[in-house]
Amino acid sequence: MYKGIVEGYYGKPFTVQQREILLEELSPLKNPAYFYAPKDDPWHRLLWREPYPDKEWLSLRNCMGGATAFFFSISPWKFQDTQWKDARTKLLLAEDSGASGLSILFDDVPDRSAGRLAERQLNFAMRAFEGTDLPVILCPSVYCGELLERFAEAEEYLRVWREMIPAGWNSFWTGPAVVSEKMSDLRLAEELLGGKPVIWDNVLATDYCIRRVYFAGLCGRVPESYSWFINPSEIFPAALHGVMELKAAAGLERKWPDALGNYSRGWELLQEFHYLPWRAGETGGEILARLSGAINGAGVDDALAWLNSVLPDMTEFVELIPLIEGGWELLPAARDLCRSLSTIKRALETDDPAGSLHYFMHTRLPYENPVAALAAGKH
């Protein structure tokens, strides 16, 4: 069973150096794997029919054949049935270059999820992969429980999919939802797909939300008997942090990657307050409750003492983040946290903390731009 990450988000693909770091950090895992599928790599998706330029292909080829298995994929945007030869040429070049596995992704396609679509997709894939001896993983257009409810013909699509998919091929599944709070109902997924799913876990992804980042622990999230790929944030330090959590979930010693720098207190705060889309970390939740009580007049002195103890560390963290690989991309989230804590401290130092905080964040300078506020339902 593979364990690793899927570079499968919408956003800037990782650089060559960043990908090399991730491959190396994954290598101590049992059956480590790296799945290459960045949506905004033009030759992966929009220009999938065209060969990679020499420089870009060389950087990918250098990822293949190492200690970490490298899966190469294409996402044949708006494919025609007769274009399987274009896919085959690119996929077999990857096989000849040392790829450990191959994939075609049919997620997020602009088409109806009916049985005819599944038939077209699988016929396309079978022709493209004919003769390969490498493992094959596909992503169906219906890839989670949420889409079963969203598309009227999803059940018919999956019926055709499980009846047609060749033996030995696997299908991706993201769980009950595109971003699943809990990775449950995997037995149902096995029945729907006609075989054990490969988990594509979006819990740490950030390409669907407005400037957020997540650092949750992953222990106990997926049963051992499933291959499991984490789709990380496009922000490289967050992705590398996710690999550390993945290794810990697999039972390896928690070893802090050198590329993240040694700023432990700042990282602890960032993780606690940017834990999951649904909640802060356990300690972060306790701190938020304490700060909330102080804003309403309870325990102000204790809250101020805590803020005074952590703000110097957080300020230093913000200053040092640009020194780490990809740090500039993480800087906005760290700076927002530092500024928010500073604003709460400033409000607690007044006679009316709640009124002052509302003034600082909403009246004096509105915190969100109008479009973000509308998207958040604040209208």
Protein backbone atom coordinates (compact mmCIF):
# COMPACT_ATOMS: atom_id res chain seq x y z
CA MET A 1 0.00 0.00 0.00
CA TYR A 2 1.40 3.36 -1.02
CA LYS A 3 1.65 6.33 1.33
CA GLY A 4 2.60 9.74 0.05
CA ILE A 5 1.37 12.99 -1.41
CA VAL A 6 -0.43 13.95 -4.59
CA GLU A 7 0.61 17.28 -6.07
CA GLY A 8 -2.94 17.67 -7.29
CA TYR A 9 -4.11 21.14 -6.32
CA TYR A 10 -5.15 24.18 -8.37
CA GLY A 11 -2.31 26.70 -8.07
CA LYS A 12 1.38 27.18 -8.76
CA PRO A 13 3.14 23.80 -9.05
CA PHE A 14 6.08 23.16 -6.76
CA THR A 15 9.52 24.14 -7.99
CA VAL A 16 12.15 21.55 -8.91
CA GLN A 17 13.93 22.13 -5.59
CA GLN A 18 10.72 21.87 -3.57
CA ARG A 19 9.74 18.64 -5.29
CA GLU A 20 13.19 17.17 -4.58
CA ILE A 21 12.83 18.02 -0.88
CA LEU A 22 9.39 16.39 -0.71
CA LEU A 23 10.62 13.23 -2.46
CA GLU A 24 13.51 12.93 -0.02
CA GLU A 25 11.30 13.51 3.03
CA LEU A 26 8.85 10.85 1.86
CA SER A 27 11.53 8.22 1.25
CA PRO A 28 11.66 6.73 4.82
CA LEU A 29 8.02 5.61 4.52
CA LYS A 30 7.14 2.05 3.64
CA ASN A 31 6.16 2.12 -0.06
CA PRO A 32 6.54 5.91 -0.35
CA ALA A 33 4.98 7.52 -3.40
CA TYR A 34 4.69 10.91 -5.07
CA PHE A 35 1.75 11.42 -7.41
CA TYR A 36 2.28 14.19 -9.98
CA ALA A 37 -0.96 15.90 -11.03
CA PRO A 38 -0.85 19.72 -10.60
CA LYS A 39 -3.98 21.13 -12.21
CA ASP A 40 -2.22 24.30 -13.36
CA ASP A 41 0.67 22.56 -15.08
CA PRO A 42 -0.52 23.33 -18.63
CA TRP A 43 0.97 20.14 -20.14
CA HIS A 44 -0.81 18.05 -17.52
CA ARG A 45 -4.28 19.46 -18.18
CA LEU A 46 -5.09 22.17 -20.72
CA LEU A 47 -2.24 21.30 -23.12
CA TRP A 48 -2.21 17.59 -22.32
CA ARG A 49 -2.03 16.68 -26.03
CA GLU A 50 1.29 18.51 -26.42
CA PRO A 51 4.69 17.17 -25.32
CA TYR A 52 6.48 18.79 -22.41
CA PRO A 53 9.22 21.25 -23.36
CA ASP A 54 12.66 19.71 -22.88
CA LYS A 55 13.51 21.67 -19.71
CA GLU A 56 10.22 20.84 -17.95
CA TRP A 57 10.38 17.20 -18.94
CA LEU A 58 13.96 16.85 -17.71
CA SER A 59 12.90 18.15 -14.28
CA LEU A 60 10.14 15.52 -14.12
CA ARG A 61 12.33 12.72 -15.43
CA ASN A 62 14.84 13.46 -12.68
CA CYS A 63 12.10 12.68 -10.13
CA MET A 64 11.64 9.16 -11.50
CA GLY A 65 13.52 6.04 -10.51
CA GLY A 66 14.43 7.11 -6.98
CA ALA A 67 13.59 5.70 -3.56
CA THR A 68 10.13 7.32 -3.68
CA ALA A 69 7.83 5.89 -6.36
CA PHE A 70 6.81 8.57 -8.85
CA PHE A 71 3.38 8.34 -10.48
CA PHE A 72 2.94 10.37 -13.66
CA SER A 73 -0.53 11.46 -14.77
CA ILE A 74 -2.44 13.50 -17.29
CA SER A 75 -5.86 15.12 -17.03
CA PRO A 76 -7.25 15.01 -20.61
CA TRP A 77 -9.33 18.17 -20.59
CA LYS A 78 -12.19 17.99 -23.14
CA PHE A 79 -10.78 14.84 -24.71
CA GLN A 80 -12.14 13.34 -27.91
CA ASP A 81 -12.45 9.57 -28.22
CA THR A 82 -9.88 9.44 -31.04
CA GLN A 83 -7.18 11.30 -29.06
CA TRP A 84 -6.06 8.34 -26.96
CA LYS A 85 -2.86 8.12 -29.02
CA ASP A 86 -1.79 11.55 -27.72
CA ALA A 87 -2.29 10.34 -24.17
CA ARG A 88 -0.50 7.06 -24.88
CA THR A 89 2.56 8.83 -26.31
CA LYS A 90 3.00 10.97 -23.21
CA LEU A 91 2.25 8.18 -20.72
CA LEU A 92 4.59 5.65 -22.33
CA LEU A 93 7.36 8.25 -22.46
CA ALA A 94 6.98 8.53 -18.69
CA GLU A 95 7.17 4.73 -18.39
CA ASP A 96 10.35 4.67 -20.48
CA SER A 97 11.78 7.49 -18.33
CA GLY A 98 11.41 5.52 -15.11
CA ALA A 99 7.94 6.34 -13.76
CA SER A 100 6.69 3.88 -11.14
CA GLY A 101 3.01 4.20 -12.08
CA LEU A 102 0.68 5.95 -14.50
CA SER A 103 -2.67 7.68 -14.23
CA ILE A 104 -5.41 9.45 -16.12
CA LEU A 105 -7.61 11.81 -14.12
CA PHE A 106 -11.21 12.46 -15.16
CA ASP A 107 -12.18 14.63 -12.19
CA ASP A 108 -13.75 18.06 -12.62
CA VAL A 109 -14.66 17.50 -16.27
CA PRO A 110 -17.26 19.74 -17.93
CA ASP A 111 -19.64 16.90 -18.77
CA ARG A 112 -22.61 15.05 -17.35
CA SER A 113 -21.85 12.10 -15.08
CA ALA A 114 -23.82 9.51 -17.01
CA GLY A 115 -23.00 5.94 -17.99
CA ARG A 116 -21.99 6.98 -21.49
CA LEU A 117 -19.31 9.26 -20.04
CA ALA A 118 -17.83 6.44 -17.93
CA GLU A 119 -17.79 4.18 -20.99
CA ARG A 120 -15.96 6.83 -23.07
CA GLN A 121 -13.44 7.47 -20.32
CA LEU A 122 -12.58 3.84 -19.71
CA ASN A 123 -12.33 3.00 -23.41
CA PHE A 124 -9.98 5.98 -23.77
CA ALA A 125 -7.87 4.83 -20.80
CA MET A 126 -7.69 1.18 -21.90
CA ARG A 127 -6.36 2.19 -25.31
CA ALA A 128 -3.91 4.67 -23.80
CA PHE A 129 -2.51 2.13 -21.32
CA GLU A 130 -2.50 -0.94 -23.56
CA GLY A 131 0.69 -2.92 -23.01
CA THR A 132 1.95 -1.12 -19.91
CA ASP A 133 3.10 -3.21 -16.99
CA LEU A 134 3.01 -0.34 -14.49
CA PRO A 135 0.35 0.18 -11.80
CA VAL A 136 -2.57 2.25 -13.06
CA ILE A 137 -4.72 4.58 -10.95
CA LEU A 138 -7.69 6.45 -12.45
CA CYS A 139 -9.78 9.25 -11.02
CA PRO A 140 -13.45 8.94 -11.99
CA SER A 141 -15.67 11.97 -12.48
CA VAL A 142 -17.68 10.82 -9.45
CA TYR A 143 -14.98 10.56 -6.81
CA CYS A 144 -16.75 11.07 -3.47
CA GLY A 145 -20.07 10.56 -1.70
CA GLU A 146 -20.97 14.24 -2.04
CA LEU A 147 -21.04 13.94 -5.85
CA LEU A 148 -23.47 11.03 -5.62
CA GLU A 149 -26.00 13.48 -4.24
CA ARG A 150 -25.03 16.38 -6.48
CA PHE A 151 -25.40 14.58 -9.84
CA ALA A 152 -28.62 12.83 -10.73
CA GLU A 153 -26.92 10.22 -12.94
CA ALA A 154 -23.95 9.53 -10.66
CA GLU A 155 -25.09 6.02 -9.71
CA GLU A 156 -25.43 5.03 -13.36
CA TYR A 157 -21.97 6.47 -14.04
CA LEU A 158 -20.43 4.38 -11.26
CA ARG A 159 -22.30 1.24 -12.31
CA VAL A 160 -20.68 1.41 -15.73
CA TRP A 161 -17.33 2.36 -14.17
CA ARG A 162 -17.11 -0.68 -11.89
CA GLU A 163 -18.33 -3.04 -14.60
CA MET A 164 -15.76 -1.84 -17.14
CA ILE A 165 -12.61 -0.99 -15.17
CA PRO A 166 -9.91 -3.63 -15.84
CA ALA A 167 -8.87 -5.95 -13.02
CA GLY A 168 -5.86 -4.65 -11.14
CA TRP A 169 -6.56 -0.99 -11.86
CA ASN A 170 -7.46 1.30 -8.97
CA SER A 171 -9.67 4.37 -8.56
CA PHE A 172 -9.23 7.48 -6.45
CA TRP A 173 -11.81 8.42 -3.80
CA THR A 174 -11.82 11.53 -1.57
CA GLY A 175 -14.27 10.21 1.03
CA PRO A 176 -17.80 11.34 1.93
CA ALA A 177 -17.05 14.81 0.50
CA VAL A 178 -14.52 16.56 -1.70
CA VAL A 179 -12.92 17.73 1.56
CA SER A 180 -13.86 15.09 4.12
CA GLU A 181 -13.87 15.83 7.82
CA LYS A 182 -13.63 12.10 8.49
CA MET A 183 -12.46 9.43 6.05
CA SER A 184 -15.44 7.12 6.46
CA ASP A 185 -17.65 4.86 4.33
CA LEU A 186 -14.68 3.29 2.56
CA ARG A 187 -16.45 -0.06 2.29
CA LEU A 188 -19.26 1.69 0.45
CA ALA A 189 -16.69 3.30 -1.85
CA GLU A 190 -15.28 -0.15 -2.59
CA GLU A 191 -18.72 -1.34 -3.64
CA LEU A 192 -19.34 1.74 -5.78
CA LEU A 193 -15.98 1.61 -7.56
CA GLY A 194 -15.70 -2.15 -7.96
CA GLY A 195 -12.49 -2.40 -5.94
CA LYS A 196 -10.59 -0.97 -3.01
CA PRO A 197 -10.20 2.80 -3.50
CA VAL A 198 -6.97 4.74 -3.36
CA ILE A 199 -7.52 7.64 -0.97
CA TRP A 200 -6.99 11.16 -2.31
CA ASP A 201 -7.24 13.17 0.90
CA ASN A 202 -7.95 16.91 0.52
CA VAL A 203 -8.06 17.71 4.24
CA LEU A 204 -4.90 19.87 4.09
CA ALA A 205 -5.58 21.41 0.67
CA THR A 206 -6.18 25.15 0.42
CA ASP A 207 -7.05 25.72 -3.25
CA TYR A 208 -10.80 25.85 -2.52
CA CYS A 209 -10.77 28.62 0.10
CA ILE A 210 -9.64 32.21 0.55
CA ARG A 211 -6.10 32.50 1.96
CA ARG A 212 -6.15 29.74 4.51
CA VAL A 213 -3.67 27.06 5.44
CA TYR A 214 -4.00 23.91 7.56
CA PHE A 215 -1.53 21.92 9.68
CA ALA A 216 -3.63 19.15 11.27
CA GLY A 217 -2.19 15.93 12.58
CA LEU A 218 -3.16 12.88 10.52
CA CYS A 219 -2.84 9.99 12.97
CA GLY A 220 -5.70 7.49 12.73
CA ARG A 221 -7.28 9.14 9.70
CA VAL A 222 -7.09 6.27 7.19
CA PRO A 223 -6.93 2.49 7.80
CA GLU A 224 -3.61 0.83 7.05
CA SER A 225 -5.07 -1.36 4.31
CA TYR A 226 -5.58 1.54 1.88
CA SER A 227 -3.14 3.46 -0.27
CA TRP A 228 -3.29 7.05 0.92
CA PHE A 229 -2.20 10.27 -0.78
CA ILE A 230 -2.43 13.66 0.91
CA ASN A 231 -3.19 16.55 -1.44
CA PRO A 232 -1.31 19.34 0.35
CA SER A 233 -1.42 23.10 0.29
CA GLU A 234 0.22 24.80 -2.67
CA ILE A 235 2.19 26.71 0.00
CA PHE A 236 5.38 24.67 0.15
CA PRO A 237 6.20 24.94 3.90
CA ALA A 238 2.66 23.80 4.69
CA ALA A 239 3.03 20.88 2.26
CA LEU A 240 6.31 19.87 3.87
CA HIS A 241 4.71 20.11 7.31
CA GLY A 242 1.98 17.79 5.99
CA VAL A 243 4.62 15.24 4.98
CA MET A 244 5.96 15.35 8.54
CA GLU A 245 2.46 14.66 9.87
CA LEU A 246 1.99 11.88 7.32
CA LYS A 247 5.20 10.20 8.48
CA ALA A 248 4.09 10.48 12.10
CA ALA A 249 0.73 8.93 11.19
CA ALA A 250 2.63 6.04 9.59
CA GLY A 251 4.46 5.39 12.87
CA LEU A 252 7.79 7.02 12.07
CA GLU A 253 9.64 9.22 14.50
CA ARG A 254 8.51 12.86 14.32
CA LYS A 255 11.61 14.51 12.90
CA TRP A 256 11.43 18.22 12.11
CA PRO A 257 12.50 18.88 8.49
CA ASP A 258 15.53 21.17 8.21
CA ALA A 259 13.82 23.10 5.41
CA LEU A 260 11.17 24.39 7.84
CA GLY A 261 13.68 26.17 10.07
CA ASN A 262 13.91 25.92 13.83
CA TYR A 263 11.20 28.36 14.96
CA SER A 264 9.22 25.95 17.11
CA ARG A 265 7.01 28.38 19.08
CA GLY A 266 5.81 30.17 15.97
CA TRP A 267 5.06 26.87 14.23
CA GLU A 268 3.15 25.60 17.28
CA LEU A 269 0.92 28.69 17.29
CA LEU A 270 0.38 28.53 13.54
CA GLN A 271 -0.62 24.87 13.75
CA GLU A 272 -3.01 25.38 16.65
CA PHE A 273 -4.92 28.23 14.99
CA HIS A 274 -4.72 26.84 11.44
CA TYR A 275 -5.54 23.23 12.27
CA LEU A 276 -8.56 22.16 10.19
CA PRO A 277 -11.28 23.93 8.19
CA TRP A 278 -13.75 23.07 10.96
CA ARG A 279 -11.82 23.86 14.13
CA ALA A 280 -8.64 24.96 15.81
CA GLY A 281 -6.34 22.45 17.50
CA GLU A 282 -7.11 21.28 21.02
CA THR A 283 -4.78 23.80 22.65
CA GLY A 284 -5.81 26.46 20.16
CA GLY A 285 -9.45 25.93 21.07
CA GLU A 286 -8.67 26.39 24.75
CA ILE A 287 -6.76 29.60 24.01
CA LEU A 288 -9.60 30.94 21.87
CA ALA A 289 -12.07 30.25 24.69
CA ARG A 290 -9.79 32.10 27.11
CA LEU A 291 -9.42 35.08 24.77
CA SER A 292 -13.16 35.13 24.10
CA GLY A 293 -13.85 35.23 27.83
CA ALA A 294 -11.33 38.05 28.30
CA ILE A 295 -12.94 40.12 25.53
CA ASN A 296 -16.17 39.81 27.52
CA GLY A 297 -14.47 40.80 30.79
CA ALA A 298 -13.39 37.48 32.35
CA GLY A 299 -9.71 36.74 33.00
CA VAL A 300 -8.33 39.79 31.22
CA ASP A 301 -5.03 39.80 33.14
CA ASP A 302 -4.33 36.12 32.39
CA ALA A 303 -5.12 36.62 28.71
CA LEU A 304 -2.84 39.65 28.52
CA ALA A 305 -0.04 37.74 30.24
CA TRP A 306 -0.35 34.96 27.65
CA LEU A 307 -0.38 37.43 24.75
CA ASN A 308 2.65 39.24 26.10
CA SER A 309 4.51 35.92 26.34
CA VAL A 310 3.81 34.73 22.79
CA LEU A 311 3.77 37.89 20.69
CA PRO A 312 7.58 38.36 20.72
CA ASP A 313 8.00 34.78 19.47
CA MET A 314 5.32 35.27 16.82
CA THR A 315 6.86 38.54 15.70
CA GLU A 316 10.27 36.89 15.33
CA PHE A 317 8.65 34.01 13.43
CA VAL A 318 7.12 36.46 10.95
CA GLU A 319 10.49 38.13 10.46
CA LEU A 320 12.31 34.83 9.86
CA ILE A 321 9.77 33.00 7.65
CA PRO A 322 11.09 34.55 4.40
CA LEU A 323 14.41 32.78 5.04
CA ILE A 324 12.96 29.28 4.57
CA GLU A 325 12.17 27.62 1.24
CA GLY A 326 8.81 28.92 0.02
CA GLY A 327 8.48 31.09 3.12
CA TRP A 328 7.13 34.12 1.30
CA GLU A 329 4.00 32.15 0.43
CA LEU A 330 3.39 31.29 4.10
CA LEU A 331 4.12 34.80 5.32
CA PRO A 332 0.57 36.23 4.84
CA ALA A 333 -1.01 33.57 7.08
CA ALA A 334 1.64 34.01 9.79
CA ARG A 335 1.41 37.79 9.62
CA ASP A 336 -2.41 37.68 9.83
CA LEU A 337 -2.17 35.60 13.00
CA CYS A 338 0.41 37.91 14.53
CA ARG A 339 -1.64 41.00 13.69
CA SER A 340 -4.84 39.42 14.99
CA LEU A 341 -3.24 38.57 18.34
CA SER A 342 -1.76 42.06 18.53
CA THR A 343 -5.17 43.59 17.85
CA ILE A 344 -6.78 41.48 20.58
CA LYS A 345 -4.04 42.56 23.01
CA ARG A 346 -4.63 46.20 22.12
CA ALA A 347 -8.37 45.80 22.72
CA LEU A 348 -7.83 44.07 26.08
CA GLU A 349 -5.75 47.02 27.23
CA THR A 350 -8.80 49.32 26.94
CA ASP A 351 -11.76 49.79 29.28
CA ASP A 352 -14.13 48.24 26.74
CA PRO A 353 -12.40 45.23 25.09
CA ALA A 354 -15.42 44.04 23.10
CA GLY A 355 -16.30 47.50 21.80
CA SER A 356 -12.66 48.29 21.02
CA LEU A 357 -12.14 45.03 19.15
CA HIS A 358 -15.22 45.67 17.04
CA TYR A 359 -13.95 49.16 16.30
CA PHE A 360 -10.45 48.00 15.35
CA MET A 361 -11.64 45.16 13.12
CA HIS A 362 -14.88 46.42 11.59
CA THR A 363 -15.38 50.14 12.01
CA ARG A 364 -11.95 51.74 11.79
CA LEU A 365 -10.68 49.56 8.92
CA PRO A 366 -13.01 46.78 7.71
CA TYR A 367 -11.15 43.49 7.88
CA GLU A 368 -12.48 41.91 4.69
CA ASN A 369 -12.83 43.26 1.20
CA PRO A 370 -16.41 43.41 -0.15
CA VAL A 371 -16.10 40.35 -2.39
CA ALA A 372 -14.64 38.19 0.41
CA ALA A 373 -17.36 39.40 2.78
CA LEU A 374 -20.05 38.53 0.23
CA ALA A 375 -18.50 35.09 -0.33
CA ALA A 376 -18.55 34.52 3.43
CA GLY A 377 -22.25 35.42 3.57
CA LYS A 378 -21.62 38.71 5.39
CA HIS A 379 -23.95 40.94 3.41
